[in-house]
Amino acid sequence: MSTEDRQEAIAVAAIPLLAEHGTHVTTGQIAKAAGIAEGTIFRVFKDKQELLDFCVLRAFRTRELVERINAIPVDKPLVNRLIEAMTMIDEMAARLGALMHTLGATGYRPNEGNHNKDDEAGGHRKPPMLDEFERTTTAIAALLSSGQEQLRLPSDRAAGYLMGLTFMTRMQATRTAQVEQKEPESFVSEIVDLFMNGAVAAEMERGGKDPQ
């Protein structure tokens, strides 16, 4: 198995443990979950910090998510396509929120060494998480483009707003331990309805009185 494949396998086993235990998880626990000897971890990661940083980046990876979004049939009504896609994104946001909340609560801080080297060299590197977010937003924009006639904004801008509304609302609620009373399906349906129809009642748009 290549170093990259071994890192991937270890990260997949480690991420659920990190979401549960944060930085308190031991490399022994991770090795057991991955079905390997503990020493194998340190043959592909120089230390636990590098392992944690790799796991965080792996958790934000959206390749599989984008493939699932791209596979949504375009013959479905737009609102149904959006609910299906945003349910996937909501699930990922909930997982990421739980992971980052637990890591932060147990003292995790990413190693900024590589970014600092880029700055010292006069370069500027976009954070990998932003690349992943943009990749997912592009997939949502493609989903919206087939219903462009129903939108008041270009599909790429509309996708950015919808992504931000869904992803950050769920992730922040999870990270701050706020309990969402609605079922995930109801939460997503409400977000999509807000996106499609707005928050202002129809009579208000026509200049009616504020609802009491």
N, C-alpha and C. Protein backbone atom coordinates (compact mmCIF):
# COMPACT_ATOMS: atom_id res chain seq x y z
N MET A 1 0.85 -1.19 0.00
CA MET A 1 0.00 0.00 0.00
C MET A 1 0.88 1.24 0.00
N SER A 2 0.56 2.21 -0.85
CA SER A 2 1.35 3.43 -0.94
C SER A 2 1.17 4.28 0.32
N THR A 3 2.09 5.23 0.51
CA THR A 3 1.98 6.13 1.66
C THR A 3 0.67 6.89 1.63
N GLU A 4 0.28 7.37 0.45
CA GLU A 4 -0.97 8.13 0.32
C GLU A 4 -2.18 7.28 0.67
N ASP A 5 -2.20 6.04 0.20
CA ASP A 5 -3.32 5.15 0.50
C ASP A 5 -3.36 4.82 1.99
N ARG A 6 -2.19 4.63 2.59
CA ARG A 6 -2.13 4.34 4.02
C ARG A 6 -2.62 5.53 4.84
N GLN A 7 -2.21 6.73 4.45
CA GLN A 7 -2.69 7.94 5.14
C GLN A 7 -4.21 8.04 5.05
N GLU A 8 -4.72 7.76 3.87
CA GLU A 8 -6.17 7.83 3.65
C GLU A 8 -6.90 6.84 4.55
N ALA A 9 -6.42 5.61 4.61
CA ALA A 9 -7.07 4.58 5.42
C ALA A 9 -7.03 4.94 6.90
N ILE A 10 -5.92 5.47 7.35
CA ILE A 10 -5.80 5.86 8.76
C ILE A 10 -6.75 7.01 9.07
N ALA A 11 -6.83 7.99 8.17
CA ALA A 11 -7.70 9.14 8.40
C ALA A 11 -9.17 8.72 8.47
N VAL A 12 -9.57 7.84 7.57
CA VAL A 12 -10.97 7.37 7.57
C VAL A 12 -11.31 6.71 8.90
N ALA A 13 -10.37 5.95 9.45
CA ALA A 13 -10.60 5.31 10.75
C ALA A 13 -10.54 6.31 11.89
N ALA A 14 -9.72 7.34 11.75
CA ALA A 14 -9.48 8.28 12.85
C ALA A 14 -10.58 9.32 13.00
N ILE A 15 -11.18 9.76 11.91
CA ILE A 15 -12.11 10.89 11.97
C ILE A 15 -13.28 10.66 12.94
N PRO A 16 -13.95 9.50 12.92
CA PRO A 16 -15.02 9.29 13.91
C PRO A 16 -14.52 9.34 15.35
N LEU A 17 -13.30 8.86 15.59
CA LEU A 17 -12.73 8.92 16.93
C LEU A 17 -12.42 10.35 17.34
N LEU A 18 -11.96 11.15 16.39
CA LEU A 18 -11.68 12.56 16.67
C LEU A 18 -12.97 13.32 16.99
N ALA A 19 -14.04 12.98 16.29
CA ALA A 19 -15.32 13.64 16.55
C ALA A 19 -15.83 13.30 17.95
N GLU A 20 -15.46 12.12 18.44
CA GLU A 20 -15.92 11.69 19.77
C GLU A 20 -14.98 12.15 20.88
N HIS A 21 -13.67 12.02 20.66
CA HIS A 21 -12.70 12.27 21.73
C HIS A 21 -11.84 13.51 21.52
N GLY A 22 -11.85 14.08 20.32
CA GLY A 22 -10.99 15.22 20.05
C GLY A 22 -9.53 14.84 20.13
N THR A 23 -8.70 15.77 20.57
CA THR A 23 -7.26 15.53 20.63
C THR A 23 -6.88 14.52 21.70
N HIS A 24 -7.83 14.14 22.55
CA HIS A 24 -7.53 13.17 23.60
C HIS A 24 -7.44 11.74 23.06
N VAL A 25 -7.87 11.54 21.82
CA VAL A 25 -7.76 10.20 21.25
C VAL A 25 -6.29 9.82 21.17
N THR A 26 -6.00 8.56 21.40
CA THR A 26 -4.61 8.11 21.34
C THR A 26 -4.32 7.47 19.99
N THR A 27 -3.05 7.47 19.63
CA THR A 27 -2.68 6.82 18.38
C THR A 27 -2.91 5.31 18.47
N GLY A 28 -2.89 4.78 19.69
CA GLY A 28 -3.21 3.37 19.87
C GLY A 28 -4.66 3.09 19.50
N GLN A 29 -5.57 3.97 19.91
CA GLN A 29 -6.98 3.80 19.56
C GLN A 29 -7.17 3.89 18.04
N ILE A 30 -6.48 4.84 17.43
CA ILE A 30 -6.59 5.00 15.98
C ILE A 30 -6.05 3.78 15.26
N ALA A 31 -4.91 3.28 15.72
CA ALA A 31 -4.32 2.10 15.09
C ALA A 31 -5.26 0.90 15.19
N LYS A 32 -5.88 0.73 16.35
CA LYS A 32 -6.81 -0.38 16.53
C LYS A 32 -7.99 -0.26 15.57
N ALA A 33 -8.53 0.96 15.44
CA ALA A 33 -9.66 1.18 14.54
C ALA A 33 -9.27 0.93 13.09
N ALA A 34 -8.02 1.25 12.75
CA ALA A 34 -7.55 1.08 11.37
C ALA A 34 -7.05 -0.33 11.10
N GLY A 35 -6.92 -1.14 12.16
CA GLY A 35 -6.45 -2.51 11.99
C GLY A 35 -4.98 -2.60 11.65
N ILE A 36 -4.18 -1.69 12.25
CA ILE A 36 -2.74 -1.67 11.97
C ILE A 36 -1.97 -1.57 13.28
N ALA A 37 -0.67 -1.76 13.20
CA ALA A 37 0.19 -1.55 14.37
C ALA A 37 0.35 -0.05 14.59
N GLU A 38 0.48 0.35 15.85
CA GLU A 38 0.59 1.78 16.16
C GLU A 38 1.79 2.41 15.47
N GLY A 39 2.88 1.67 15.35
CA GLY A 39 4.07 2.21 14.71
C GLY A 39 3.87 2.57 13.25
N THR A 40 2.89 1.92 12.61
CA THR A 40 2.62 2.20 11.20
C THR A 40 2.19 3.65 11.00
N ILE A 41 1.48 4.19 11.99
CA ILE A 41 1.03 5.59 11.90
C ILE A 41 2.22 6.52 11.72
N PHE A 42 3.29 6.25 12.47
CA PHE A 42 4.44 7.16 12.45
C PHE A 42 5.41 6.86 11.32
N ARG A 43 5.05 5.90 10.48
CA ARG A 43 5.81 5.70 9.25
C ARG A 43 5.23 6.55 8.12
N VAL A 44 3.99 7.02 8.29
CA VAL A 44 3.38 7.85 7.24
C VAL A 44 3.04 9.26 7.73
N PHE A 45 3.06 9.47 9.04
CA PHE A 45 2.90 10.81 9.62
C PHE A 45 4.06 11.05 10.56
N LYS A 46 4.64 12.24 10.52
CA LYS A 46 5.82 12.49 11.35
C LYS A 46 5.46 12.60 12.83
N ASP A 47 4.23 13.04 13.13
CA ASP A 47 3.80 13.14 14.52
C ASP A 47 2.27 13.22 14.57
N LYS A 48 1.73 13.28 15.77
CA LYS A 48 0.28 13.30 15.93
C LYS A 48 -0.32 14.58 15.35
N GLN A 49 0.39 15.70 15.45
CA GLN A 49 -0.12 16.96 14.90
C GLN A 49 -0.34 16.84 13.39
N GLU A 50 0.61 16.25 12.70
CA GLU A 50 0.45 16.08 11.25
C GLU A 50 -0.73 15.17 10.94
N LEU A 51 -0.92 14.15 11.75
CA LEU A 51 -2.07 13.26 11.58
C LEU A 51 -3.38 14.02 11.76
N LEU A 52 -3.46 14.83 12.81
CA LEU A 52 -4.68 15.60 13.07
C LEU A 52 -4.97 16.57 11.92
N ASP A 53 -3.94 17.26 11.46
CA ASP A 53 -4.13 18.22 10.36
C ASP A 53 -4.61 17.50 9.10
N PHE A 54 -4.04 16.34 8.83
CA PHE A 54 -4.45 15.58 7.65
C PHE A 54 -5.91 15.15 7.77
N CYS A 55 -6.30 14.71 8.96
CA CYS A 55 -7.68 14.26 9.17
C CYS A 55 -8.68 15.40 8.97
N VAL A 56 -8.33 16.59 9.43
CA VAL A 56 -9.22 17.74 9.25
C VAL A 56 -9.39 18.03 7.76
N LEU A 57 -8.29 18.05 7.02
CA LEU A 57 -8.39 18.29 5.58
C LEU A 57 -9.20 17.19 4.90
N ARG A 58 -9.00 15.95 5.33
CA ARG A 58 -9.75 14.83 4.75
C ARG A 58 -11.24 14.96 5.04
N ALA A 59 -11.58 15.42 6.23
CA ALA A 59 -12.99 15.57 6.59
C ALA A 59 -13.69 16.61 5.73
N PHE A 60 -12.94 17.61 5.27
CA PHE A 60 -13.52 18.66 4.44
C PHE A 60 -13.56 18.29 2.96
N ARG A 61 -12.98 17.16 2.60
CA ARG A 61 -12.93 16.79 1.18
C ARG A 61 -14.34 16.54 0.65
N THR A 62 -14.61 17.05 -0.54
CA THR A 62 -15.97 17.00 -1.08
C THR A 62 -16.10 16.20 -2.38
N ARG A 63 -15.07 15.48 -2.76
CA ARG A 63 -15.12 14.78 -4.05
C ARG A 63 -16.31 13.84 -4.14
N GLU A 64 -16.50 13.01 -3.11
CA GLU A 64 -17.63 12.07 -3.13
C GLU A 64 -18.96 12.80 -3.10
N LEU A 65 -19.03 13.87 -2.32
CA LEU A 65 -20.25 14.67 -2.22
C LEU A 65 -20.61 15.27 -3.58
N VAL A 66 -19.64 15.83 -4.26
CA VAL A 66 -19.88 16.44 -5.57
C VAL A 66 -20.36 15.39 -6.57
N GLU A 67 -19.77 14.21 -6.52
CA GLU A 67 -20.20 13.14 -7.43
C GLU A 67 -21.66 12.77 -7.19
N ARG A 68 -22.07 12.73 -5.92
CA ARG A 68 -23.46 12.41 -5.60
C ARG A 68 -24.41 13.53 -6.06
N ILE A 69 -23.98 14.78 -5.90
CA ILE A 69 -24.81 15.89 -6.36
C ILE A 69 -24.96 15.86 -7.88
N ASN A 70 -23.85 15.59 -8.57
CA ASN A 70 -23.88 15.55 -10.04
C ASN A 70 -24.76 14.42 -10.57
N ALA A 71 -24.99 13.41 -9.73
CA ALA A 71 -25.79 12.25 -10.17
C ALA A 71 -27.29 12.47 -9.97
N ILE A 72 -27.70 13.59 -9.38
CA ILE A 72 -29.13 13.85 -9.18
C ILE A 72 -29.79 14.05 -10.54
N PRO A 73 -30.86 13.32 -10.85
CA PRO A 73 -31.51 13.43 -12.16
C PRO A 73 -32.03 14.85 -12.42
N VAL A 74 -31.77 15.36 -13.61
CA VAL A 74 -32.17 16.73 -13.94
C VAL A 74 -33.65 16.82 -14.30
N ASP A 75 -34.32 15.66 -14.46
CA ASP A 75 -35.74 15.72 -14.81
C ASP A 75 -36.64 15.88 -13.59
N LYS A 76 -36.05 15.91 -12.39
CA LYS A 76 -36.84 16.17 -11.19
C LYS A 76 -37.15 17.66 -11.11
N PRO A 77 -38.25 18.04 -10.44
CA PRO A 77 -38.51 19.47 -10.21
C PRO A 77 -37.35 20.10 -9.46
N LEU A 78 -37.09 21.38 -9.74
CA LEU A 78 -35.94 22.06 -9.15
C LEU A 78 -35.95 21.99 -7.63
N VAL A 79 -37.09 22.22 -7.01
CA VAL A 79 -37.14 22.22 -5.55
C VAL A 79 -36.77 20.85 -4.99
N ASN A 80 -37.18 19.78 -5.66
CA ASN A 80 -36.83 18.43 -5.21
C ASN A 80 -35.34 18.17 -5.35
N ARG A 81 -34.76 18.65 -6.45
CA ARG A 81 -33.32 18.48 -6.65
C ARG A 81 -32.54 19.22 -5.57
N LEU A 82 -33.00 20.42 -5.24
CA LEU A 82 -32.31 21.21 -4.23
C LEU A 82 -32.41 20.56 -2.85
N ILE A 83 -33.58 20.06 -2.51
CA ILE A 83 -33.73 19.40 -1.21
C ILE A 83 -32.81 18.18 -1.12
N GLU A 84 -32.73 17.42 -2.19
CA GLU A 84 -31.86 16.23 -2.20
C GLU A 84 -30.40 16.63 -2.03
N ALA A 85 -29.97 17.64 -2.78
CA ALA A 85 -28.57 18.07 -2.72
C ALA A 85 -28.24 18.71 -1.38
N MET A 86 -29.12 19.58 -0.90
CA MET A 86 -28.82 20.28 0.34
C MET A 86 -28.92 19.37 1.55
N THR A 87 -29.68 18.28 1.45
CA THR A 87 -29.69 17.28 2.52
C THR A 87 -28.31 16.65 2.65
N MET A 88 -27.68 16.35 1.51
CA MET A 88 -26.32 15.82 1.53
C MET A 88 -25.36 16.81 2.18
N ILE A 89 -25.48 18.07 1.80
CA ILE A 89 -24.59 19.10 2.33
C ILE A 89 -24.85 19.32 3.82
N ASP A 90 -26.11 19.29 4.21
CA ASP A 90 -26.45 19.45 5.62
C ASP A 90 -25.84 18.34 6.47
N GLU A 91 -25.88 17.12 5.96
CA GLU A 91 -25.29 15.98 6.69
C GLU A 91 -23.79 16.17 6.86
N MET A 92 -23.12 16.63 5.80
CA MET A 92 -21.68 16.87 5.89
C MET A 92 -21.39 18.00 6.87
N ALA A 93 -22.18 19.07 6.82
CA ALA A 93 -21.97 20.20 7.72
C ALA A 93 -22.14 19.78 9.17
N ALA A 94 -23.11 18.92 9.44
CA ALA A 94 -23.32 18.44 10.81
C ALA A 94 -22.12 17.64 11.30
N ARG A 95 -21.59 16.78 10.42
CA ARG A 95 -20.41 15.99 10.79
C ARG A 95 -19.20 16.90 11.05
N LEU A 96 -19.01 17.87 10.16
CA LEU A 96 -17.88 18.78 10.32
C LEU A 96 -18.03 19.64 11.57
N GLY A 97 -19.25 20.09 11.82
CA GLY A 97 -19.48 20.90 13.01
C GLY A 97 -19.15 20.14 14.28
N ALA A 98 -19.59 18.88 14.34
CA ALA A 98 -19.31 18.05 15.51
C ALA A 98 -17.81 17.81 15.66
N LEU A 99 -17.15 17.53 14.54
CA LEU A 99 -15.70 17.28 14.57
C LEU A 99 -14.94 18.51 15.05
N MET A 100 -15.22 19.66 14.45
CA MET A 100 -14.46 20.86 14.79
C MET A 100 -14.79 21.36 16.20
N HIS A 101 -16.03 21.14 16.64
CA HIS A 101 -16.40 21.53 18.00
C HIS A 101 -15.60 20.71 19.02
N THR A 102 -15.54 19.40 18.80
CA THR A 102 -14.82 18.54 19.74
C THR A 102 -13.32 18.80 19.70
N LEU A 103 -12.77 18.97 18.50
CA LEU A 103 -11.35 19.27 18.40
C LEU A 103 -11.01 20.59 19.07
N GLY A 104 -11.81 21.61 18.81
CA GLY A 104 -11.55 22.91 19.42
C GLY A 104 -11.66 22.87 20.93
N ALA A 105 -12.64 22.12 21.43
CA ALA A 105 -12.85 22.04 22.88
C ALA A 105 -11.73 21.29 23.58
N THR A 106 -10.98 20.48 22.82
CA THR A 106 -9.88 19.71 23.42
C THR A 106 -8.51 20.28 23.05
N GLY A 107 -8.51 21.52 22.54
CA GLY A 107 -7.25 22.22 22.36
C GLY A 107 -6.59 22.12 21.00
N TYR A 108 -7.29 21.62 20.00
CA TYR A 108 -6.66 21.50 18.68
C TYR A 108 -6.40 22.86 18.06
N ARG A 109 -5.20 23.02 17.52
CA ARG A 109 -4.85 24.18 16.73
C ARG A 109 -4.09 23.68 15.51
N PRO A 110 -4.50 24.09 14.30
CA PRO A 110 -3.80 23.61 13.10
C PRO A 110 -2.38 24.15 13.05
N ASN A 111 -1.51 23.38 12.42
CA ASN A 111 -0.13 23.81 12.22
C ASN A 111 -0.09 24.78 11.05
N GLU A 112 0.24 26.02 11.32
CA GLU A 112 0.25 27.05 10.27
C GLU A 112 1.61 27.18 9.61
N GLY A 113 2.52 26.26 9.89
CA GLY A 113 3.88 26.38 9.38
C GLY A 113 3.96 26.53 7.87
N ASN A 114 3.21 25.71 7.14
CA ASN A 114 3.29 25.76 5.69
C ASN A 114 2.75 27.08 5.15
N HIS A 115 1.68 27.59 5.77
CA HIS A 115 1.13 28.86 5.32
C HIS A 115 2.12 29.99 5.58
N ASN A 116 2.80 29.92 6.73
CA ASN A 116 3.77 30.96 7.05
C ASN A 116 4.93 30.96 6.06
N LYS A 117 5.35 29.77 5.62
CA LYS A 117 6.42 29.70 4.63
C LYS A 117 6.00 30.36 3.32
N ASP A 118 4.76 30.14 2.93
CA ASP A 118 4.26 30.78 1.71
C ASP A 118 4.28 32.29 1.85
N ASP A 119 3.86 32.79 3.03
CA ASP A 119 3.83 34.23 3.25
C ASP A 119 5.23 34.81 3.21
N GLU A 120 6.19 34.09 3.83
CA GLU A 120 7.56 34.58 3.84
C GLU A 120 8.15 34.63 2.44
N ALA A 121 7.69 33.73 1.59
CA ALA A 121 8.20 33.68 0.22
C ALA A 121 7.48 34.68 -0.68
N GLY A 122 6.54 35.41 -0.10
CA GLY A 122 5.81 36.39 -0.89
C GLY A 122 4.65 35.81 -1.66
N GLY A 123 4.34 34.54 -1.40
CA GLY A 123 3.23 33.90 -2.10
C GLY A 123 1.96 33.94 -1.27
N HIS A 124 0.89 33.49 -1.88
CA HIS A 124 -0.39 33.44 -1.17
C HIS A 124 -1.12 32.18 -1.61
N ARG A 125 -1.43 31.33 -0.65
CA ARG A 125 -2.10 30.08 -0.97
C ARG A 125 -3.50 30.09 -0.39
N LYS A 126 -4.47 29.76 -1.22
CA LYS A 126 -5.85 29.71 -0.76
C LYS A 126 -6.03 28.50 0.15
N PRO A 127 -6.73 28.66 1.29
CA PRO A 127 -6.93 27.52 2.19
C PRO A 127 -7.62 26.37 1.47
N PRO A 128 -7.16 25.13 1.69
CA PRO A 128 -7.76 23.97 1.01
C PRO A 128 -9.26 23.85 1.25
N MET A 129 -9.72 24.22 2.46
CA MET A 129 -11.15 24.12 2.76
C MET A 129 -11.97 25.00 1.82
N LEU A 130 -11.40 26.17 1.46
CA LEU A 130 -12.11 27.07 0.56
C LEU A 130 -12.24 26.46 -0.83
N ASP A 131 -11.20 25.78 -1.27
CA ASP A 131 -11.27 25.07 -2.56
C ASP A 131 -12.41 24.06 -2.55
N GLU A 132 -12.52 23.31 -1.45
CA GLU A 132 -13.57 22.29 -1.35
C GLU A 132 -14.95 22.93 -1.35
N PHE A 133 -15.10 24.04 -0.62
CA PHE A 133 -16.38 24.74 -0.57
C PHE A 133 -16.77 25.24 -1.96
N GLU A 134 -15.79 25.78 -2.68
CA GLU A 134 -16.06 26.30 -4.02
C GLU A 134 -16.43 25.18 -4.99
N ARG A 135 -15.80 24.02 -4.82
CA ARG A 135 -16.11 22.88 -5.69
C ARG A 135 -17.56 22.44 -5.50
N THR A 136 -18.00 22.42 -4.25
CA THR A 136 -19.39 22.04 -3.97
C THR A 136 -20.35 23.11 -4.48
N THR A 137 -20.00 24.37 -4.31
CA THR A 137 -20.84 25.46 -4.79
C THR A 137 -21.01 25.39 -6.30
N THR A 138 -19.95 25.02 -7.00
CA THR A 138 -20.02 24.87 -8.45
C THR A 138 -21.00 23.77 -8.84
N ALA A 139 -21.01 22.68 -8.07
CA ALA A 139 -21.95 21.59 -8.34
C ALA A 139 -23.39 22.04 -8.12
N ILE A 140 -23.62 22.84 -7.08
CA ILE A 140 -24.97 23.36 -6.84
C ILE A 140 -25.37 24.34 -7.94
N ALA A 141 -24.42 25.14 -8.40
CA ALA A 141 -24.70 26.08 -9.50
C ALA A 141 -25.12 25.33 -10.76
N ALA A 142 -24.45 24.21 -11.03
CA ALA A 142 -24.81 23.40 -12.20
C ALA A 142 -26.22 22.84 -12.04
N LEU A 143 -26.56 22.47 -10.82
CA LEU A 143 -27.91 21.95 -10.54
C LEU A 143 -28.95 23.04 -10.77
N LEU A 144 -28.61 24.26 -10.38
CA LEU A 144 -29.53 25.39 -10.53
C LEU A 144 -29.65 25.87 -11.97
N SER A 145 -28.59 25.68 -12.74
CA SER A 145 -28.55 26.26 -14.09
C SER A 145 -29.65 25.72 -14.99
N SER A 146 -30.06 24.46 -14.74
CA SER A 146 -31.13 23.90 -15.56
C SER A 146 -32.49 24.49 -15.21
N GLY A 147 -32.54 25.24 -14.10
CA GLY A 147 -33.78 25.93 -13.73
C GLY A 147 -33.56 27.44 -13.66
N GLN A 148 -32.61 27.93 -14.46
CA GLN A 148 -32.23 29.34 -14.41
C GLN A 148 -33.42 30.27 -14.62
N GLU A 149 -34.39 29.84 -15.42
CA GLU A 149 -35.55 30.70 -15.69
C GLU A 149 -36.38 30.97 -14.44
N GLN A 150 -36.19 30.14 -13.40
CA GLN A 150 -36.94 30.34 -12.16
C GLN A 150 -36.19 31.24 -11.18
N LEU A 151 -34.97 31.64 -11.53
CA LEU A 151 -34.12 32.40 -10.61
C LEU A 151 -34.04 33.87 -11.01
N ARG A 152 -33.86 34.71 -10.00
CA ARG A 152 -33.66 36.14 -10.25
C ARG A 152 -32.18 36.50 -10.27
N LEU A 153 -31.32 35.54 -9.94
CA LEU A 153 -29.88 35.75 -9.91
C LEU A 153 -29.20 34.72 -10.80
N PRO A 154 -27.98 35.01 -11.25
CA PRO A 154 -27.21 33.98 -11.96
C PRO A 154 -27.04 32.76 -11.06
N SER A 155 -26.97 31.60 -11.65
CA SER A 155 -26.95 30.37 -10.86
C SER A 155 -25.74 30.29 -9.93
N ASP A 156 -24.59 30.84 -10.33
CA ASP A 156 -23.42 30.74 -9.46
C ASP A 156 -23.58 31.59 -8.20
N ARG A 157 -24.16 32.78 -8.34
CA ARG A 157 -24.40 33.62 -7.17
C ARG A 157 -25.47 33.01 -6.28
N ALA A 158 -26.52 32.50 -6.89
CA ALA A 158 -27.59 31.88 -6.11
C ALA A 158 -27.06 30.67 -5.35
N ALA A 159 -26.19 29.90 -5.99
CA ALA A 159 -25.61 28.72 -5.33
C ALA A 159 -24.77 29.13 -4.13
N GLY A 160 -24.02 30.21 -4.25
CA GLY A 160 -23.21 30.68 -3.14
C GLY A 160 -24.06 31.06 -1.93
N TYR A 161 -25.16 31.76 -2.18
CA TYR A 161 -26.06 32.14 -1.08
C TYR A 161 -26.67 30.90 -0.43
N LEU A 162 -27.13 29.96 -1.25
CA LEU A 162 -27.77 28.76 -0.71
C LEU A 162 -26.78 27.92 0.08
N MET A 163 -25.56 27.78 -0.44
CA MET A 163 -24.53 27.02 0.27
C MET A 163 -24.22 27.65 1.62
N GLY A 164 -24.03 28.97 1.62
CA GLY A 164 -23.72 29.65 2.87
C GLY A 164 -24.83 29.51 3.89
N LEU A 165 -26.06 29.67 3.43
CA LEU A 165 -27.22 29.59 4.32
C LEU A 165 -27.33 28.21 4.95
N THR A 166 -27.19 27.17 4.14
CA THR A 166 -27.35 25.80 4.64
C THR A 166 -26.14 25.35 5.45
N PHE A 167 -24.97 25.47 4.86
CA PHE A 167 -23.75 24.92 5.45
C PHE A 167 -23.41 25.60 6.77
N MET A 168 -23.36 26.92 6.75
CA MET A 168 -22.91 27.63 7.94
C MET A 168 -23.95 27.61 9.06
N THR A 169 -25.24 27.62 8.70
CA THR A 169 -26.27 27.55 9.73
C THR A 169 -26.17 26.24 10.50
N ARG A 170 -26.06 25.13 9.76
CA ARG A 170 -25.98 23.82 10.41
C ARG A 170 -24.66 23.63 11.15
N MET A 171 -23.56 24.02 10.53
CA MET A 171 -22.26 23.80 11.15
C MET A 171 -22.12 24.63 12.43
N GLN A 172 -22.57 25.87 12.39
CA GLN A 172 -22.47 26.72 13.57
C GLN A 172 -23.36 26.20 14.69
N ALA A 173 -24.56 25.75 14.34
CA ALA A 173 -25.46 25.21 15.36
C ALA A 173 -24.85 24.00 16.04
N THR A 174 -24.18 23.16 15.26
CA THR A 174 -23.56 21.96 15.82
C THR A 174 -22.35 22.32 16.67
N ARG A 175 -21.53 23.24 16.20
CA ARG A 175 -20.32 23.61 16.93
C ARG A 175 -20.63 24.28 18.25
N THR A 176 -21.72 25.05 18.30
CA THR A 176 -22.06 25.75 19.54
C THR A 176 -23.01 24.94 20.40
N ALA A 177 -23.21 23.67 20.02
CA ALA A 177 -24.04 22.74 20.79
C ALA A 177 -25.49 23.21 20.88
N GLN A 178 -25.93 23.98 19.89
CA GLN A 178 -27.33 24.36 19.84
C GLN A 178 -28.13 23.17 19.33
N VAL A 179 -29.23 22.88 19.97
CA VAL A 179 -30.03 21.72 19.59
C VAL A 179 -31.05 22.16 18.54
N GLU A 180 -30.98 21.56 17.38
CA GLU A 180 -31.95 21.85 16.33
C GLU A 180 -33.17 20.97 16.55
N GLN A 181 -34.30 21.59 16.81
CA GLN A 181 -35.50 20.84 17.14
C GLN A 181 -36.10 20.13 15.93
N LYS A 182 -35.87 20.67 14.75
CA LYS A 182 -36.44 20.07 13.56
C LYS A 182 -35.64 18.85 13.12
N GLU A 183 -36.32 17.92 12.47
CA GLU A 183 -35.62 16.81 11.83
C GLU A 183 -34.80 17.38 10.68
N PRO A 184 -33.68 16.71 10.32
CA PRO A 184 -32.84 17.23 9.23
C PRO A 184 -33.61 17.50 7.95
N GLU A 185 -34.55 16.59 7.59
CA GLU A 185 -35.31 16.78 6.36
C GLU A 185 -36.16 18.05 6.42
N SER A 186 -36.75 18.30 7.60
CA SER A 186 -37.58 19.49 7.78
C SER A 186 -36.73 20.75 7.74
N PHE A 187 -35.54 20.68 8.35
CA PHE A 187 -34.62 21.82 8.35
C PHE A 187 -34.23 22.19 6.92
N VAL A 188 -33.85 21.20 6.13
CA VAL A 188 -33.43 21.46 4.75
C VAL A 188 -34.60 21.98 3.93
N SER A 189 -35.77 21.39 4.10
CA SER A 189 -36.95 21.85 3.35
C SER A 189 -37.25 23.31 3.66
N GLU A 190 -37.09 23.69 4.92
CA GLU A 190 -37.33 25.08 5.31
C GLU A 190 -36.31 26.01 4.67
N ILE A 191 -35.04 25.59 4.65
CA ILE A 191 -33.99 26.41 4.03
C ILE A 191 -34.26 26.57 2.53
N VAL A 192 -34.60 25.48 1.86
CA VAL A 192 -34.87 25.56 0.42
C VAL A 192 -36.10 26.41 0.14
N ASP A 193 -37.12 26.29 0.98
CA ASP A 193 -38.32 27.11 0.81
C ASP A 193 -37.97 28.59 0.99
N LEU A 194 -37.13 28.90 1.98
CA LEU A 194 -36.70 30.28 2.19
C LEU A 194 -35.94 30.78 0.97
N PHE A 195 -35.08 29.94 0.42
CA PHE A 195 -34.30 30.30 -0.76
C PHE A 195 -35.20 30.54 -1.97
N MET A 196 -36.17 29.67 -2.16
CA MET A 196 -37.02 29.75 -3.35
C MET A 196 -38.09 30.83 -3.24
N ASN A 197 -38.62 31.05 -2.03
CA ASN A 197 -39.79 31.92 -1.88
C ASN A 197 -39.56 33.14 -1.01
N GLY A 198 -38.41 33.21 -0.32
CA GLY A 198 -38.13 34.36 0.52
C GLY A 198 -38.76 34.24 1.89
N ALA A 199 -38.38 35.17 2.77
CA ALA A 199 -38.88 35.15 4.14
C ALA A 199 -40.06 36.10 4.33
N VAL A 200 -40.33 36.95 3.33
CA VAL A 200 -41.39 37.94 3.46
C VAL A 200 -42.68 37.37 2.89
N ALA A 201 -43.76 37.50 3.65
CA ALA A 201 -45.06 37.00 3.20
C ALA A 201 -45.50 37.75 1.95
N ALA A 202 -46.32 37.09 1.14
CA ALA A 202 -46.74 37.67 -0.14
C ALA A 202 -47.44 39.01 0.05
N GLU A 203 -48.28 39.12 1.10
CA GLU A 203 -49.00 40.38 1.30
C GLU A 203 -48.06 41.52 1.67
N MET A 204 -46.93 41.19 2.32
CA MET A 204 -45.94 42.22 2.64
C MET A 204 -45.27 42.72 1.37
N GLU A 205 -45.00 41.82 0.42
CA GLU A 205 -44.39 42.23 -0.84
C GLU A 205 -45.30 43.19 -1.60
N ARG A 206 -46.60 43.04 -1.39
CA ARG A 206 -47.55 43.93 -2.07
C ARG A 206 -47.83 45.20 -1.27
N GLY A 207 -47.06 45.39 -0.18
CA GLY A 207 -47.22 46.60 0.61
C GLY A 207 -48.23 46.47 1.72
N GLY A 208 -48.51 45.23 2.15
CA GLY A 208 -49.48 45.02 3.22
C GLY A 208 -48.90 45.38 4.57
N LYS A 209 -49.72 45.23 5.61
CA LYS A 209 -49.30 45.56 6.96
C LYS A 209 -48.41 44.46 7.53
N ASP A 210 -47.57 44.86 8.50
CA ASP A 210 -46.75 43.87 9.19
C ASP A 210 -47.66 42.89 9.91
N PRO A 211 -47.34 41.57 9.84
CA PRO A 211 -48.13 40.60 10.59
C PRO A 211 -47.93 40.81 12.08
N GLN A 212 -48.99 40.70 12.84
CA GLN A 212 -48.94 40.91 14.30
C GLN A 212 -48.60 39.60 14.99
